[in-house]
Amino acid sequence: MSQRPRVAVLDYGSGNIRSAQAQLMRSQAEVSRVELSLRRRFARQYARYRTARTQAEEYRRHIVPESREAFELYLDSFRRRRAAYPQVLVAQLEVHGQAHAPRRGGPTELGHTERILQYLH
């Protein structure tokens, strides 16, 4: 006796339904994956923002006033001939946050130094 394959007589697209359900589940899983990824990225960026904000606040509250005070003391000492001019320049760079990273057009250029000297005389 030979066997014949069984063929469902009343197949109302059950294969298509299962395929669509599987695709829906994959799509839902992808939405969840993207949502979690975005949450992780946001959390990292927000942490960086909070750190930068804290550093900026610390800089504004403490570092700038202390640098400004040091500059004014050096400038006063220079005017009284008690400090060398390079000390005044270094203190000025500290006030502007440029002591370690001078840039083109900044306070380290000759024109700026000449303007300061004119102000002192």
N, C-alpha and C. Protein backbone atom coordinates (compact mmCIF):
# COMPACT_ATOMS: atom_id res chain seq x y z
N MET A 1 0.80 -1.17 0.00
CA MET A 1 0.00 0.00 0.00
C MET A 1 0.86 1.25 0.00
N SER A 2 0.53 2.16 -0.80
CA SER A 2 1.30 3.40 -0.86
C SER A 2 0.61 4.47 -0.01
N GLN A 3 1.45 5.28 0.60
CA GLN A 3 0.91 6.34 1.44
C GLN A 3 0.89 7.65 0.68
N ARG A 4 -0.17 8.34 0.84
CA ARG A 4 -0.30 9.65 0.22
C ARG A 4 -0.16 10.72 1.30
N PRO A 5 0.39 11.87 0.91
CA PRO A 5 0.50 12.95 1.91
C PRO A 5 -0.89 13.46 2.26
N ARG A 6 -0.99 13.85 3.51
CA ARG A 6 -2.26 14.39 3.98
C ARG A 6 -2.37 15.85 3.54
N VAL A 7 -3.46 16.20 3.07
CA VAL A 7 -3.72 17.56 2.63
C VAL A 7 -4.95 18.04 3.40
N ALA A 8 -4.76 19.17 4.08
CA ALA A 8 -5.90 19.72 4.82
C ALA A 8 -6.89 20.29 3.83
N VAL A 9 -8.08 19.88 3.95
CA VAL A 9 -9.11 20.32 3.03
C VAL A 9 -9.60 21.71 3.40
N LEU A 10 -9.67 22.00 4.70
CA LEU A 10 -10.20 23.28 5.13
C LEU A 10 -9.07 24.13 5.74
N ASP A 11 -8.11 24.54 4.96
CA ASP A 11 -7.02 25.40 5.43
C ASP A 11 -7.40 26.84 5.11
N TYR A 12 -7.81 27.57 6.16
CA TYR A 12 -8.25 28.95 5.97
C TYR A 12 -7.10 29.93 6.14
N GLY A 13 -5.96 29.63 5.64
CA GLY A 13 -4.80 30.53 5.72
C GLY A 13 -4.10 30.47 7.07
N SER A 14 -4.17 29.30 7.74
CA SER A 14 -3.57 29.21 9.07
C SER A 14 -2.05 29.43 9.00
N GLY A 15 -1.42 29.08 7.95
CA GLY A 15 0.02 29.33 7.79
C GLY A 15 0.31 30.82 7.70
N ASN A 16 -0.53 31.53 6.97
CA ASN A 16 -0.37 32.98 6.86
C ASN A 16 -0.63 33.67 8.19
N ILE A 17 -1.60 33.17 8.93
CA ILE A 17 -1.92 33.75 10.23
C ILE A 17 -0.75 33.56 11.18
N ARG A 18 -0.20 32.35 11.23
CA ARG A 18 0.96 32.08 12.09
C ARG A 18 2.15 32.93 11.68
N SER A 19 2.35 33.08 10.41
CA SER A 19 3.46 33.90 9.92
C SER A 19 3.28 35.36 10.32
N ALA A 20 2.07 35.86 10.21
CA ALA A 20 1.78 37.25 10.59
C ALA A 20 1.95 37.43 12.09
N GLN A 21 1.51 36.44 12.88
CA GLN A 21 1.68 36.52 14.33
C GLN A 21 3.16 36.53 14.72
N ALA A 22 3.94 35.70 14.06
CA ALA A 22 5.38 35.66 14.32
C ALA A 22 6.03 36.99 13.95
N GLN A 23 5.63 37.56 12.84
CA GLN A 23 6.17 38.86 12.42
C GLN A 23 5.78 39.95 13.42
N LEU A 24 4.55 39.91 13.92
CA LEU A 24 4.10 40.87 14.92
C LEU A 24 4.95 40.75 16.19
N MET A 25 5.21 39.53 16.63
CA MET A 25 6.03 39.32 17.83
C MET A 25 7.45 39.84 17.61
N ARG A 26 8.02 39.60 16.44
CA ARG A 26 9.36 40.10 16.13
C ARG A 26 9.37 41.63 16.14
N SER A 27 8.35 42.23 15.57
CA SER A 27 8.25 43.70 15.54
C SER A 27 8.12 44.28 16.95
N GLN A 28 7.31 43.65 17.79
CA GLN A 28 7.17 44.10 19.16
C GLN A 28 8.49 43.97 19.93
N ALA A 29 9.19 42.88 19.71
CA ALA A 29 10.49 42.68 20.35
C ALA A 29 11.48 43.74 19.89
N GLU A 30 11.43 44.09 18.62
CA GLU A 30 12.33 45.12 18.09
C GLU A 30 12.01 46.48 18.70
N VAL A 31 10.74 46.79 18.87
CA VAL A 31 10.34 48.04 19.51
C VAL A 31 10.91 48.09 20.94
N SER A 32 10.77 47.00 21.67
CA SER A 32 11.30 46.94 23.03
C SER A 32 12.83 47.10 23.04
N ARG A 33 13.50 46.45 22.10
CA ARG A 33 14.95 46.54 22.02
C ARG A 33 15.39 47.98 21.76
N VAL A 34 14.74 48.65 20.81
CA VAL A 34 15.08 50.04 20.49
C VAL A 34 14.79 50.95 21.67
N GLU A 35 13.68 50.72 22.34
CA GLU A 35 13.33 51.53 23.51
C GLU A 35 14.38 51.40 24.60
N LEU A 36 14.81 50.17 24.89
CA LEU A 36 15.85 49.96 25.90
C LEU A 36 17.17 50.60 25.48
N SER A 37 17.50 50.49 24.21
CA SER A 37 18.72 51.11 23.70
C SER A 37 18.68 52.62 23.87
N LEU A 38 17.55 53.22 23.53
CA LEU A 38 17.41 54.67 23.68
C LEU A 38 17.47 55.09 25.14
N ARG A 39 16.88 54.30 26.02
CA ARG A 39 16.94 54.61 27.46
C ARG A 39 18.38 54.57 27.96
N ARG A 40 19.13 53.56 27.54
CA ARG A 40 20.54 53.46 27.94
C ARG A 40 21.33 54.65 27.43
N ARG A 41 21.13 55.00 26.17
CA ARG A 41 21.85 56.14 25.60
C ARG A 41 21.49 57.44 26.31
N PHE A 42 20.22 57.62 26.59
CA PHE A 42 19.78 58.81 27.30
C PHE A 42 20.40 58.86 28.69
N ALA A 43 20.42 57.74 29.40
CA ALA A 43 20.99 57.70 30.74
C ALA A 43 22.47 58.08 30.72
N ARG A 44 23.20 57.57 29.73
CA ARG A 44 24.64 57.92 29.62
C ARG A 44 24.81 59.41 29.33
N GLN A 45 24.05 59.94 28.40
CA GLN A 45 24.17 61.35 28.05
C GLN A 45 23.74 62.24 29.21
N TYR A 46 22.70 61.85 29.91
CA TYR A 46 22.23 62.64 31.04
C TYR A 46 23.29 62.65 32.15
N ALA A 47 23.93 61.51 32.36
CA ALA A 47 25.00 61.46 33.37
C ALA A 47 26.15 62.38 32.96
N ARG A 48 26.50 62.39 31.69
CA ARG A 48 27.55 63.30 31.21
C ARG A 48 27.14 64.76 31.39
N TYR A 49 25.88 65.06 31.11
CA TYR A 49 25.36 66.41 31.29
C TYR A 49 25.45 66.83 32.75
N ARG A 50 25.01 65.96 33.66
CA ARG A 50 25.04 66.30 35.08
C ARG A 50 26.48 66.53 35.56
N THR A 51 27.41 65.70 35.09
CA THR A 51 28.81 65.87 35.47
C THR A 51 29.34 67.20 34.95
N ALA A 52 29.06 67.50 33.70
CA ALA A 52 29.53 68.77 33.12
C ALA A 52 28.90 69.96 33.83
N ARG A 53 27.65 69.84 34.17
CA ARG A 53 26.98 70.94 34.88
C ARG A 53 27.60 71.15 36.26
N THR A 54 27.89 70.07 36.96
CA THR A 54 28.53 70.17 38.27
C THR A 54 29.90 70.80 38.16
N GLN A 55 30.66 70.38 37.16
CA GLN A 55 31.99 70.96 36.95
C GLN A 55 31.90 72.44 36.62
N ALA A 56 30.95 72.81 35.78
CA ALA A 56 30.80 74.22 35.42
C ALA A 56 30.42 75.06 36.64
N GLU A 57 29.55 74.51 37.46
CA GLU A 57 29.15 75.23 38.66
C GLU A 57 30.33 75.40 39.62
N GLU A 58 31.11 74.35 39.77
CA GLU A 58 32.31 74.41 40.62
C GLU A 58 33.28 75.46 40.07
N TYR A 59 33.44 75.46 38.77
CA TYR A 59 34.32 76.43 38.12
C TYR A 59 33.83 77.85 38.39
N ARG A 60 32.52 78.08 38.20
CA ARG A 60 31.95 79.40 38.38
C ARG A 60 32.03 79.88 39.83
N ARG A 61 31.77 78.98 40.75
CA ARG A 61 31.72 79.37 42.17
C ARG A 61 33.09 79.53 42.81
N HIS A 62 34.04 78.68 42.42
CA HIS A 62 35.30 78.65 43.16
C HIS A 62 36.52 79.04 42.32
N ILE A 63 36.68 78.41 41.19
CA ILE A 63 37.91 78.57 40.42
C ILE A 63 38.03 79.97 39.84
N VAL A 64 36.96 80.47 39.21
CA VAL A 64 37.02 81.80 38.61
C VAL A 64 37.29 82.89 39.65
N PRO A 65 36.56 82.91 40.76
CA PRO A 65 36.85 83.96 41.75
C PRO A 65 38.27 83.87 42.32
N GLU A 66 38.74 82.66 42.57
CA GLU A 66 40.10 82.51 43.09
C GLU A 66 41.13 82.95 42.06
N SER A 67 40.91 82.59 40.81
CA SER A 67 41.85 83.01 39.74
C SER A 67 41.83 84.52 39.57
N ARG A 68 40.64 85.11 39.62
CA ARG A 68 40.51 86.56 39.49
C ARG A 68 41.24 87.26 40.64
N GLU A 69 41.08 86.74 41.85
CA GLU A 69 41.75 87.33 43.01
C GLU A 69 43.27 87.22 42.87
N ALA A 70 43.75 86.07 42.42
CA ALA A 70 45.20 85.90 42.22
C ALA A 70 45.71 86.88 41.17
N PHE A 71 44.96 87.03 40.07
CA PHE A 71 45.37 87.96 39.03
C PHE A 71 45.46 89.38 39.59
N GLU A 72 44.44 89.78 40.32
CA GLU A 72 44.44 91.14 40.87
C GLU A 72 45.60 91.34 41.85
N LEU A 73 45.93 90.32 42.63
CA LEU A 73 47.07 90.43 43.56
C LEU A 73 48.38 90.55 42.79
N TYR A 74 48.55 89.72 41.76
CA TYR A 74 49.78 89.80 40.95
C TYR A 74 49.87 91.14 40.23
N LEU A 75 48.75 91.62 39.71
CA LEU A 75 48.76 92.90 39.01
C LEU A 75 49.13 94.03 39.97
N ASP A 76 48.56 94.00 41.15
CA ASP A 76 48.91 95.00 42.16
C ASP A 76 50.38 94.89 42.54
N SER A 77 50.87 93.68 42.70
CA SER A 77 52.29 93.49 43.04
C SER A 77 53.18 93.98 41.91
N PHE A 78 52.75 93.74 40.67
CA PHE A 78 53.55 94.21 39.53
C PHE A 78 53.60 95.73 39.52
N ARG A 79 52.47 96.36 39.75
CA ARG A 79 52.44 97.83 39.78
C ARG A 79 53.34 98.39 40.88
N ARG A 80 53.47 97.66 41.96
CA ARG A 80 54.34 98.09 43.05
C ARG A 80 55.77 97.57 42.89
N ARG A 81 56.02 96.95 41.73
CA ARG A 81 57.34 96.41 41.38
C ARG A 81 57.78 95.30 42.33
N ARG A 82 56.83 94.47 42.73
CA ARG A 82 57.13 93.35 43.61
C ARG A 82 56.97 92.00 42.89
N ALA A 83 56.41 92.01 41.71
CA ALA A 83 56.20 90.77 40.95
C ALA A 83 56.63 91.00 39.51
N ALA A 84 57.07 89.92 38.87
CA ALA A 84 57.47 89.98 37.46
C ALA A 84 56.22 89.93 36.57
N TYR A 85 56.33 90.56 35.40
CA TYR A 85 55.18 90.63 34.50
C TYR A 85 54.70 89.25 34.02
N PRO A 86 55.61 88.28 33.79
CA PRO A 86 55.12 86.96 33.38
C PRO A 86 54.16 86.34 34.41
N GLN A 87 54.36 86.63 35.69
CA GLN A 87 53.44 86.12 36.70
C GLN A 87 52.04 86.72 36.49
N VAL A 88 52.00 87.99 36.12
CA VAL A 88 50.72 88.64 35.86
C VAL A 88 50.04 87.98 34.66
N LEU A 89 50.81 87.71 33.61
CA LEU A 89 50.23 87.09 32.41
C LEU A 89 49.70 85.69 32.71
N VAL A 90 50.47 84.92 33.48
CA VAL A 90 50.02 83.57 33.82
C VAL A 90 48.73 83.64 34.63
N ALA A 91 48.68 84.57 35.58
CA ALA A 91 47.47 84.72 36.39
C ALA A 91 46.28 85.16 35.51
N GLN A 92 46.55 86.01 34.54
CA GLN A 92 45.47 86.44 33.64
C GLN A 92 44.98 85.27 32.81
N LEU A 93 45.89 84.44 32.33
CA LEU A 93 45.48 83.27 31.57
C LEU A 93 44.64 82.33 32.43
N GLU A 94 44.98 82.20 33.69
CA GLU A 94 44.19 81.36 34.60
C GLU A 94 42.78 81.91 34.74
N VAL A 95 42.65 83.23 34.81
CA VAL A 95 41.32 83.83 34.93
C VAL A 95 40.46 83.46 33.73
N HIS A 96 41.06 83.46 32.57
CA HIS A 96 40.31 83.18 31.34
C HIS A 96 40.30 81.70 30.99
N GLY A 97 40.87 80.86 31.86
CA GLY A 97 40.87 79.42 31.62
C GLY A 97 41.71 79.00 30.46
N GLN A 98 42.74 79.76 30.15
CA GLN A 98 43.55 79.47 28.97
C GLN A 98 45.01 79.21 29.32
N ALA A 99 45.32 78.98 30.55
CA ALA A 99 46.72 78.82 30.93
C ALA A 99 47.34 77.58 30.30
N HIS A 100 46.55 76.56 30.09
CA HIS A 100 47.11 75.32 29.55
C HIS A 100 46.76 75.10 28.09
N ALA A 101 45.94 75.97 27.52
CA ALA A 101 45.53 75.79 26.13
C ALA A 101 45.42 77.14 25.43
N PRO A 102 46.54 77.84 25.24
CA PRO A 102 46.43 79.11 24.51
C PRO A 102 46.01 78.85 23.07
N ARG A 103 45.27 79.78 22.51
CA ARG A 103 44.81 79.61 21.13
C ARG A 103 45.11 80.87 20.32
N ARG A 104 45.04 80.71 19.05
CA ARG A 104 45.31 81.83 18.15
C ARG A 104 44.29 82.94 18.40
N GLY A 105 44.80 84.15 18.52
CA GLY A 105 43.93 85.29 18.75
C GLY A 105 43.66 85.52 20.23
N GLY A 106 44.21 84.66 21.06
CA GLY A 106 43.96 84.75 22.49
C GLY A 106 44.96 85.65 23.19
N PRO A 107 44.95 85.65 24.52
CA PRO A 107 45.77 86.54 25.32
C PRO A 107 47.26 86.33 25.21
N THR A 108 47.71 85.28 24.52
CA THR A 108 49.15 85.06 24.44
C THR A 108 49.78 85.82 23.27
N GLU A 109 48.98 86.40 22.43
CA GLU A 109 49.54 87.10 21.27
C GLU A 109 50.10 88.46 21.67
N LEU A 110 51.05 88.94 20.89
CA LEU A 110 51.77 90.16 21.18
C LEU A 110 50.84 91.38 21.31
N GLY A 111 49.86 91.49 20.46
CA GLY A 111 48.95 92.65 20.50
C GLY A 111 48.22 92.75 21.83
N HIS A 112 47.83 91.62 22.36
CA HIS A 112 47.15 91.63 23.65
C HIS A 112 48.10 92.08 24.76
N THR A 113 49.31 91.60 24.72
CA THR A 113 50.31 91.98 25.73
C THR A 113 50.59 93.47 25.66
N GLU A 114 50.68 94.00 24.45
CA GLU A 114 50.92 95.44 24.30
C GLU A 114 49.76 96.25 24.88
N ARG A 115 48.53 95.81 24.69
CA ARG A 115 47.38 96.52 25.25
C ARG A 115 47.42 96.50 26.78
N ILE A 116 47.85 95.40 27.34
CA ILE A 116 47.95 95.32 28.80
C ILE A 116 49.03 96.28 29.30
N LEU A 117 50.14 96.31 28.58
CA LEU A 117 51.22 97.23 29.00
C LEU A 117 50.77 98.68 28.92
N GLN A 118 49.98 99.01 27.89
CA GLN A 118 49.47 100.37 27.79
C GLN A 118 48.54 100.68 28.96
N TYR A 119 47.75 99.70 29.37
CA TYR A 119 46.85 99.90 30.48
C TYR A 119 47.62 100.12 31.78
N LEU A 120 48.74 99.46 31.93
CA LEU A 120 49.52 99.56 33.17
C LEU A 120 50.26 100.91 33.29
N HIS A 121 50.52 101.55 32.17
CA HIS A 121 51.30 102.80 32.25
C HIS A 121 50.42 104.01 32.28
